[in-house]
Structure formats: C-alpha cells, structure tokens
N, C-alpha and C. Protein backbone atom coordinates (compact mmCIF):
# COMPACT_ATOMS: atom_id res chain seq x y z
N MET A 1 1.01 -0.99 0.29
CA MET A 1 0.07 -0.02 0.23
C MET A 1 1.10 1.53 0.00
N LYS A 2 0.30 2.06 -0.42
CA LYS A 2 1.37 3.16 -0.87
C LYS A 2 1.31 4.18 0.44
N THR A 3 2.42 5.20 0.37
CA THR A 3 1.97 5.91 2.49
C THR A 3 2.13 7.23 1.17
N ILE A 4 1.30 8.06 1.94
CA ILE A 4 1.25 9.82 1.53
C ILE A 4 1.56 10.32 3.17
N GLU A 5 2.53 11.24 2.97
CA GLU A 5 3.23 12.09 3.84
C GLU A 5 2.54 12.96 4.15
N VAL A 6 2.20 13.53 4.87
CA VAL A 6 1.17 15.53 4.62
C VAL A 6 1.47 15.67 6.46
N VAL A 7 1.17 17.53 6.23
CA VAL A 7 1.42 17.45 7.71
C VAL A 7 -0.10 18.37 7.50
N ALA A 8 -0.07 18.84 9.08
CA ALA A 8 -1.65 19.73 8.73
C ALA A 8 -1.20 20.89 10.27
N ALA A 9 -2.15 21.44 9.90
CA ALA A 9 -1.78 22.82 10.93
C ALA A 9 -3.27 22.78 11.76
N VAL A 10 -2.76 22.61 13.45
CA VAL A 10 -4.55 22.61 13.89
C VAL A 10 -4.32 24.59 14.27
N ILE A 11 -4.11 25.20 13.43
CA ILE A 11 -4.62 27.19 13.59
C ILE A 11 -5.25 27.72 14.88
N LYS A 12 -4.73 27.95 16.47
CA LYS A 12 -5.34 28.11 17.27
C LYS A 12 -6.03 29.69 17.67
N ALA A 13 -6.53 30.20 17.52
CA ALA A 13 -7.04 31.85 17.63
C ALA A 13 -7.68 31.65 19.06
N GLY A 14 -6.60 31.92 20.29
CA GLY A 14 -7.64 32.16 22.29
C GLY A 14 -8.35 30.44 21.90
N SER A 15 -9.27 30.18 22.19
CA SER A 15 -10.05 28.93 22.32
C SER A 15 -10.47 28.24 21.14
N ARG A 16 -10.07 28.51 19.88
CA ARG A 16 -11.08 28.24 19.49
C ARG A 16 -9.53 28.03 18.13
N ILE A 17 -10.58 27.03 17.41
CA ILE A 17 -9.37 26.36 16.06
C ILE A 17 -10.20 25.97 14.81
N PHE A 18 -9.04 25.98 14.07
CA PHE A 18 -9.46 26.33 12.35
C PHE A 18 -9.97 25.30 12.09
N ALA A 19 -10.87 25.29 11.23
CA ALA A 19 -11.28 24.01 10.53
C ALA A 19 -11.45 24.22 8.63
N THR A 20 -11.55 23.39 7.71
CA THR A 20 -11.67 23.60 6.62
C THR A 20 -12.12 22.22 5.90
N GLN A 21 -12.90 22.35 5.23
CA GLN A 21 -14.09 21.63 4.20
C GLN A 21 -13.49 21.99 3.16
N ARG A 22 -12.90 20.13 2.52
CA ARG A 22 -12.66 19.68 1.43
C ARG A 22 -13.64 20.37 0.06
N GLY A 23 -12.84 20.98 -0.76
CA GLY A 23 -13.57 21.32 -1.95
C GLY A 23 -13.86 20.76 -3.21
N TYR A 24 -12.55 19.51 -3.15
CA TYR A 24 -12.34 18.72 -3.95
C TYR A 24 -12.24 17.02 -3.86
N GLY A 25 -12.09 16.01 -5.15
CA GLY A 25 -11.25 14.82 -4.69
C GLY A 25 -11.93 13.58 -3.84
N GLU A 26 -11.72 13.13 -3.72
CA GLU A 26 -12.29 11.58 -2.93
C GLU A 26 -12.83 11.74 -1.88
N PHE A 27 -12.84 12.95 -1.24
CA PHE A 27 -13.15 13.52 0.41
C PHE A 27 -14.15 14.85 0.20
N LYS A 28 -14.26 14.98 -1.01
CA LYS A 28 -14.77 16.26 -1.13
C LYS A 28 -16.09 16.58 -0.09
N ASP A 29 -16.16 17.38 0.66
CA ASP A 29 -16.95 18.25 1.38
C ASP A 29 -16.70 17.33 3.22
N GLY A 30 -15.59 16.47 3.59
CA GLY A 30 -15.00 16.20 4.94
C GLY A 30 -14.30 17.50 5.24
N TRP A 31 -13.79 17.65 6.37
CA TRP A 31 -13.86 18.30 7.25
C TRP A 31 -12.30 17.43 8.01
N GLU A 32 -11.41 18.84 7.73
CA GLU A 32 -10.05 18.14 7.83
C GLU A 32 -9.33 19.59 8.93
N PHE A 33 -8.23 19.72 9.06
CA PHE A 33 -7.06 20.61 9.09
C PHE A 33 -6.33 20.83 8.17
N PRO A 34 -5.72 22.44 7.66
CA PRO A 34 -5.78 21.86 6.85
C PRO A 34 -4.32 22.27 6.49
N GLY A 35 -3.25 21.61 5.22
CA GLY A 35 -2.11 21.24 5.28
C GLY A 35 -2.15 20.58 4.32
N GLY A 36 -0.89 19.73 3.36
CA GLY A 36 -0.65 19.05 2.75
C GLY A 36 0.45 18.48 2.56
N LYS A 37 0.89 17.67 1.56
CA LYS A 37 2.07 16.84 1.38
C LYS A 37 3.23 17.86 1.21
N VAL A 38 4.27 17.22 1.96
CA VAL A 38 5.69 17.56 2.32
C VAL A 38 6.36 17.19 0.56
N GLU A 39 6.88 18.18 0.12
CA GLU A 39 7.43 17.89 -0.83
C GLU A 39 8.99 17.90 -0.46
N PRO A 40 9.72 17.33 -1.74
CA PRO A 40 11.39 16.68 -1.68
C PRO A 40 12.11 17.80 -0.75
N GLY A 41 12.98 17.55 -0.03
CA GLY A 41 13.91 18.56 0.51
C GLY A 41 12.92 19.81 1.55
N GLU A 42 12.00 19.41 1.93
CA GLU A 42 11.05 20.34 2.81
C GLU A 42 11.19 19.95 4.15
N THR A 43 11.27 20.46 5.66
CA THR A 43 10.75 20.38 6.42
C THR A 43 9.23 20.02 6.91
N PRO A 44 8.89 18.93 7.28
CA PRO A 44 7.59 18.92 7.78
C PRO A 44 7.10 20.40 8.08
N GLU A 45 7.99 21.07 8.97
CA GLU A 45 7.47 22.60 9.17
C GLU A 45 7.62 23.57 7.72
N GLU A 46 8.76 23.24 7.13
CA GLU A 46 8.31 24.39 5.90
C GLU A 46 7.06 23.62 5.02
N ALA A 47 6.86 22.34 4.80
CA ALA A 47 5.54 22.18 4.05
C ALA A 47 4.23 23.04 4.90
N LEU A 48 4.31 23.11 6.15
CA LEU A 48 3.45 23.38 6.40
C LEU A 48 3.03 25.40 6.06
N VAL A 49 4.14 25.55 5.97
CA VAL A 49 4.20 26.66 6.09
C VAL A 49 3.41 27.27 4.82
N ARG A 50 4.52 26.66 3.83
CA ARG A 50 3.98 26.76 2.33
C ARG A 50 2.50 26.78 1.81
N GLU A 51 1.82 25.17 2.86
CA GLU A 51 0.93 24.82 2.11
C GLU A 51 -0.08 26.11 2.48
N ILE A 52 -0.06 26.50 3.15
CA ILE A 52 -1.16 27.23 4.33
C ILE A 52 -0.99 28.65 3.33
N ARG A 53 0.02 29.23 3.39
CA ARG A 53 0.57 30.04 2.38
C ARG A 53 -0.51 30.30 0.69
N GLU A 54 -0.25 29.20 0.26
CA GLU A 54 -0.85 28.53 -0.88
C GLU A 54 -2.63 28.82 -1.21
N GLU A 55 -2.85 27.55 -0.03
CA GLU A 55 -4.73 27.65 0.52
C GLU A 55 -5.25 28.25 0.88
N LEU A 56 -4.93 29.36 1.56
CA LEU A 56 -4.95 30.05 2.24
C LEU A 56 -5.35 31.78 2.82
N GLY A 57 -3.62 31.69 1.63
CA GLY A 57 -3.29 33.31 1.56
C GLY A 57 -2.89 33.23 2.76
N ALA A 58 -2.21 32.57 3.61
CA ALA A 58 -1.92 33.44 5.39
C ALA A 58 -0.37 33.15 5.71
N GLU A 59 -0.08 33.76 6.24
CA GLU A 59 1.33 33.68 6.76
C GLU A 59 1.09 32.73 8.78
N ILE A 60 1.83 31.30 8.82
CA ILE A 60 1.79 30.62 10.03
C ILE A 60 2.66 30.31 10.57
N LYS A 61 2.78 30.50 11.89
CA LYS A 61 4.06 30.37 12.85
C LYS A 61 3.77 28.77 14.26
N VAL A 62 4.14 27.65 13.36
CA VAL A 62 4.26 26.39 13.11
C VAL A 62 4.83 25.95 14.92
N SER A 63 4.17 25.51 15.50
CA SER A 63 4.82 25.51 16.86
C SER A 63 5.27 23.95 17.36
N ASP A 64 4.43 23.46 18.37
CA ASP A 64 5.01 22.55 19.03
C ASP A 64 3.77 21.22 17.79
N LEU A 65 4.47 19.55 17.91
CA LEU A 65 3.82 18.51 17.12
C LEU A 65 3.00 18.38 17.61
N ILE A 66 1.22 17.96 17.89
CA ILE A 66 0.44 17.72 18.55
C ILE A 66 0.54 15.73 18.20
N ASP A 67 0.52 15.29 17.50
CA ASP A 67 0.82 13.83 17.28
C ASP A 67 1.02 13.45 15.99
N THR A 68 1.54 12.27 15.46
CA THR A 68 1.54 11.89 14.39
C THR A 68 0.50 10.59 14.32
N ILE A 69 -0.33 10.84 12.78
CA ILE A 69 -1.79 9.82 12.94
C ILE A 69 -0.87 9.55 11.58
N GLU A 70 -1.29 7.55 12.02
CA GLU A 70 -1.09 7.15 11.17
C GLU A 70 -2.43 6.38 11.07
N TYR A 71 -3.24 6.18 9.19
CA TYR A 71 -4.25 5.77 8.70
C TYR A 71 -3.87 5.24 7.99
N ASP A 72 -4.87 3.77 7.74
CA ASP A 72 -5.44 3.58 6.33
C ASP A 72 -6.72 3.93 6.04
N TYR A 73 -6.33 4.33 4.96
CA TYR A 73 -7.98 4.68 4.08
C TYR A 73 -7.45 3.17 3.39
N PRO A 74 -8.90 2.86 2.14
CA PRO A 74 -8.89 1.83 1.41
C PRO A 74 -8.03 1.70 0.55
N SER A 75 -7.15 3.07 -0.17
CA SER A 75 -6.71 3.23 -1.08
C SER A 75 -4.87 3.18 -0.86
N PHE A 76 -4.55 3.79 0.24
CA PHE A 76 -3.17 4.28 0.96
C PHE A 76 -3.80 4.59 2.79
N HIS A 77 -2.00 4.65 2.72
CA HIS A 77 -1.53 4.95 3.76
C HIS A 77 -1.45 6.07 4.86
N LEU A 78 -1.95 6.78 5.41
CA LEU A 78 -1.34 8.22 5.75
C LEU A 78 -0.72 8.47 6.43
N SER A 79 0.44 9.31 6.20
CA SER A 79 1.20 9.65 7.50
C SER A 79 1.27 11.19 7.84
N MET A 80 0.61 11.03 8.82
CA MET A 80 0.23 13.15 8.72
C MET A 80 0.57 13.52 10.53
N LYS A 81 1.21 14.62 9.98
CA LYS A 81 2.37 15.23 11.28
C LYS A 81 1.42 16.47 11.69
N CYS A 82 1.31 16.50 12.52
CA CYS A 82 -0.30 17.32 12.58
C CYS A 82 0.32 18.26 13.98
N TYR A 83 0.66 20.08 13.46
CA TYR A 83 1.64 21.20 14.66
C TYR A 83 0.20 21.65 15.20
N TRP A 84 0.15 22.34 16.71
CA TRP A 84 -0.15 24.07 16.53
C TRP A 84 0.53 24.90 15.57
N ALA A 85 -0.19 25.91 15.26
CA ALA A 85 -0.57 26.78 14.52
C ALA A 85 -0.91 27.79 14.77
N THR A 86 -0.23 29.06 15.27
CA THR A 86 -1.52 30.48 14.75
C THR A 86 -0.56 31.21 14.03
N LEU A 87 -1.67 32.07 13.54
CA LEU A 87 -2.42 33.17 12.31
C LEU A 87 -0.35 34.30 12.95
N VAL A 88 0.09 34.74 11.90
CA VAL A 88 1.07 35.63 12.05
C VAL A 88 0.51 37.10 11.41
N SER A 89 0.28 36.77 10.08
CA SER A 89 -0.26 37.40 9.17
C SER A 89 -1.01 37.19 7.88
N GLY A 90 -2.19 38.27 7.55
CA GLY A 90 -3.20 37.76 6.50
C GLY A 90 -4.63 37.58 7.15
N THR A 91 -5.30 37.20 6.00
CA THR A 91 -6.60 36.42 6.41
C THR A 91 -6.95 35.25 6.12
N LEU A 92 -7.54 34.09 6.90
CA LEU A 92 -7.50 33.51 5.81
C LEU A 92 -8.73 33.00 4.92
N GLU A 93 -8.55 32.86 4.38
CA GLU A 93 -9.15 33.23 2.95
C GLU A 93 -9.44 31.79 1.73
N LEU A 94 -10.21 31.30 1.10
CA LEU A 94 -9.81 30.02 1.22
C LEU A 94 -10.04 30.16 -0.73
N LYS A 95 -8.90 29.25 -0.94
CA LYS A 95 -8.41 29.23 -2.42
C LYS A 95 -9.16 27.68 -2.81
N GLU A 96 -8.75 26.60 -1.82
CA GLU A 96 -8.73 25.12 -2.19
C GLU A 96 -10.37 24.50 -1.62
N HIS A 97 -10.39 25.34 -0.77
CA HIS A 97 -11.95 24.79 0.29
C HIS A 97 -13.16 25.62 -0.03
N GLU A 98 -13.84 24.74 0.52
CA GLU A 98 -15.40 25.13 0.36
C GLU A 98 -16.40 25.76 1.59
N ALA A 99 -15.44 25.62 2.22
CA ALA A 99 -15.72 26.05 3.73
C ALA A 99 -15.04 26.66 5.03
N ALA A 100 -15.00 26.89 5.62
CA ALA A 100 -14.17 26.80 6.64
C ALA A 100 -14.90 27.54 8.22
N LYS A 101 -14.40 26.89 9.47
CA LYS A 101 -15.32 27.53 10.64
C LYS A 101 -13.79 27.78 11.54
N TRP A 102 -14.05 28.57 12.30
CA TRP A 102 -13.85 28.66 14.04
C TRP A 102 -14.69 27.74 14.99
N LEU A 103 -13.67 26.61 15.33
CA LEU A 103 -14.26 26.43 16.44
C LEU A 103 -13.77 25.89 17.60
N THR A 104 -15.02 25.93 18.69
CA THR A 104 -14.81 26.24 19.97
C THR A 104 -14.87 24.77 20.63
N LYS A 105 -14.64 24.63 22.08
CA LYS A 105 -14.11 23.14 22.31
C LYS A 105 -15.49 22.46 22.25
N GLU A 106 -16.28 22.94 22.28
CA GLU A 106 -18.30 22.63 22.77
C GLU A 106 -18.55 21.72 21.09
N SER A 107 -17.62 23.14 20.46
CA SER A 107 -17.97 22.41 18.62
C SER A 107 -17.52 22.51 17.86
N LEU A 108 -16.42 21.17 18.72
CA LEU A 108 -15.81 20.87 17.76
C LEU A 108 -16.16 19.04 16.97
N TYR A 109 -17.06 18.47 17.71
CA TYR A 109 -17.36 17.54 16.82
C TYR A 109 -19.03 18.14 15.80
N THR A 110 -19.77 19.69 15.88
CA THR A 110 -20.31 19.72 15.11
C THR A 110 -20.17 19.04 13.42
N VAL A 111 -18.85 19.33 13.52
CA VAL A 111 -18.35 19.00 11.84
C VAL A 111 -17.89 17.67 11.43
N ASP A 112 -18.68 17.11 9.52
CA ASP A 112 -18.15 15.63 9.59
C ASP A 112 -16.86 15.60 8.98
N TRP A 113 -15.86 15.39 10.50
CA TRP A 113 -14.61 14.97 10.55
C TRP A 113 -14.21 14.33 9.38
N LEU A 114 -12.91 13.53 8.61
CA LEU A 114 -12.45 13.21 7.74
C LEU A 114 -11.94 11.97 8.81
N PRO A 115 -12.08 10.77 8.47
CA PRO A 115 -11.62 9.88 9.28
C PRO A 115 -10.11 9.75 10.51
N ALA A 116 -9.06 10.06 9.18
CA ALA A 116 -8.00 10.65 9.85
C ALA A 116 -8.19 11.80 10.97
N ASP A 117 -8.29 12.90 10.78
CA ASP A 117 -8.43 13.68 11.26
C ASP A 117 -9.27 13.60 12.98
N ILE A 118 -10.59 12.59 12.62
CA ILE A 118 -10.47 12.89 14.02
C ILE A 118 -10.77 12.14 15.24
N THR A 119 -9.51 11.47 14.43
CA THR A 119 -8.18 10.86 15.82
C THR A 119 -7.95 12.04 16.46
N LEU A 120 -7.43 12.86 16.03
CA LEU A 120 -6.80 14.02 16.74
C LEU A 120 -7.83 14.70 18.60
N ILE A 121 -9.40 14.96 17.74
CA ILE A 121 -10.09 16.09 18.39
C ILE A 121 -10.29 15.95 19.77
N GLU A 122 -9.82 14.43 20.50
CA GLU A 122 -10.16 14.63 21.73
C GLU A 122 -8.62 15.29 22.39
N LYS A 123 -7.51 15.13 21.24
CA LYS A 123 -6.17 15.37 22.56
C LYS A 123 -6.28 17.06 21.74
N ILE A 124 -6.78 17.53 21.06
CA ILE A 124 -6.74 19.29 20.73
C ILE A 124 -8.20 19.80 21.81
N GLN A 125 -9.34 18.96 21.57
CA GLN A 125 -10.02 18.87 22.86
C GLN A 125 -9.95 19.88 24.57
N LYS A 126 -8.63 18.33 25.09
CA LYS A 126 -8.52 18.43 25.81
C LYS A 126 -7.00 19.45 26.34
N ALA A 127 -6.52 19.98 25.32
CA ALA A 127 -5.31 21.01 25.15
C ALA A 127 -6.32 22.39 24.98
N ILE A 128 -7.02 22.82 24.53
CA ILE A 128 -7.92 24.18 24.83
C ILE A 128 -9.17 24.66 25.85
C-alpha cells in the first residue's frame, strides 16, 4: 500500500480552532485541518508554512507537534504530522476549500471530520 506523507496545521486563536471543508477529490465535503503534502527537500514545518500560504493566503507560525496520525484509507496509508500553529499575518481566505469554521471546544464535533483527522479531536479538546 502506498504511503502519503502530509502535514496539518491546527490553527489556534484564543480557544478556537480553524477547520476547513474539502472542496475537491475523493474526500470532498469532509472536514479537515488544513495542510498538504511534504515536497522533497522540505521539512514538515516548511511544508506546512508553504501549504497554508498556497491554500489560505496567510502566514502562520508553526509550533509544537501534537501527534503523528497513521491511518489506513482503502487505497493508501496516511502519515500525518499535526502541529499547533498561529496566524502571523493575512486573513484566512479559501482558495481550495468549500467552507471553513472557527470551532470552540464545545463545537469540535459539529462537523463531519475525515477519519484520520477525527482521531486528533480528543487531544485538541483537552489542550484548548
């Protein structure tokens, strides 16, 4: 099975977390933490900064690794490094996503998370 290595940003503002809804592909309409694939020669942190700039037009500061999620989808294995991040400049504008929401601790389960992303929610809930 093919492994896809990706990074995801859990962007935090106060006690709220930013979530995005996929606008394309096999998992269209599912909710996720924004991010993407690590390109050759990039560190995970560099990839995350680039992906957020490309997808959301904003600059972030990447901080601690929350967890690395290993998840088997039917056609591939996902290895996803998830980091805490904060917005440094710009506004989060949707270039590739259908929708986005700022979620509170109480509203984290109100969106339909993708299977790999939902495994992080309990950890995030405890931390915010």
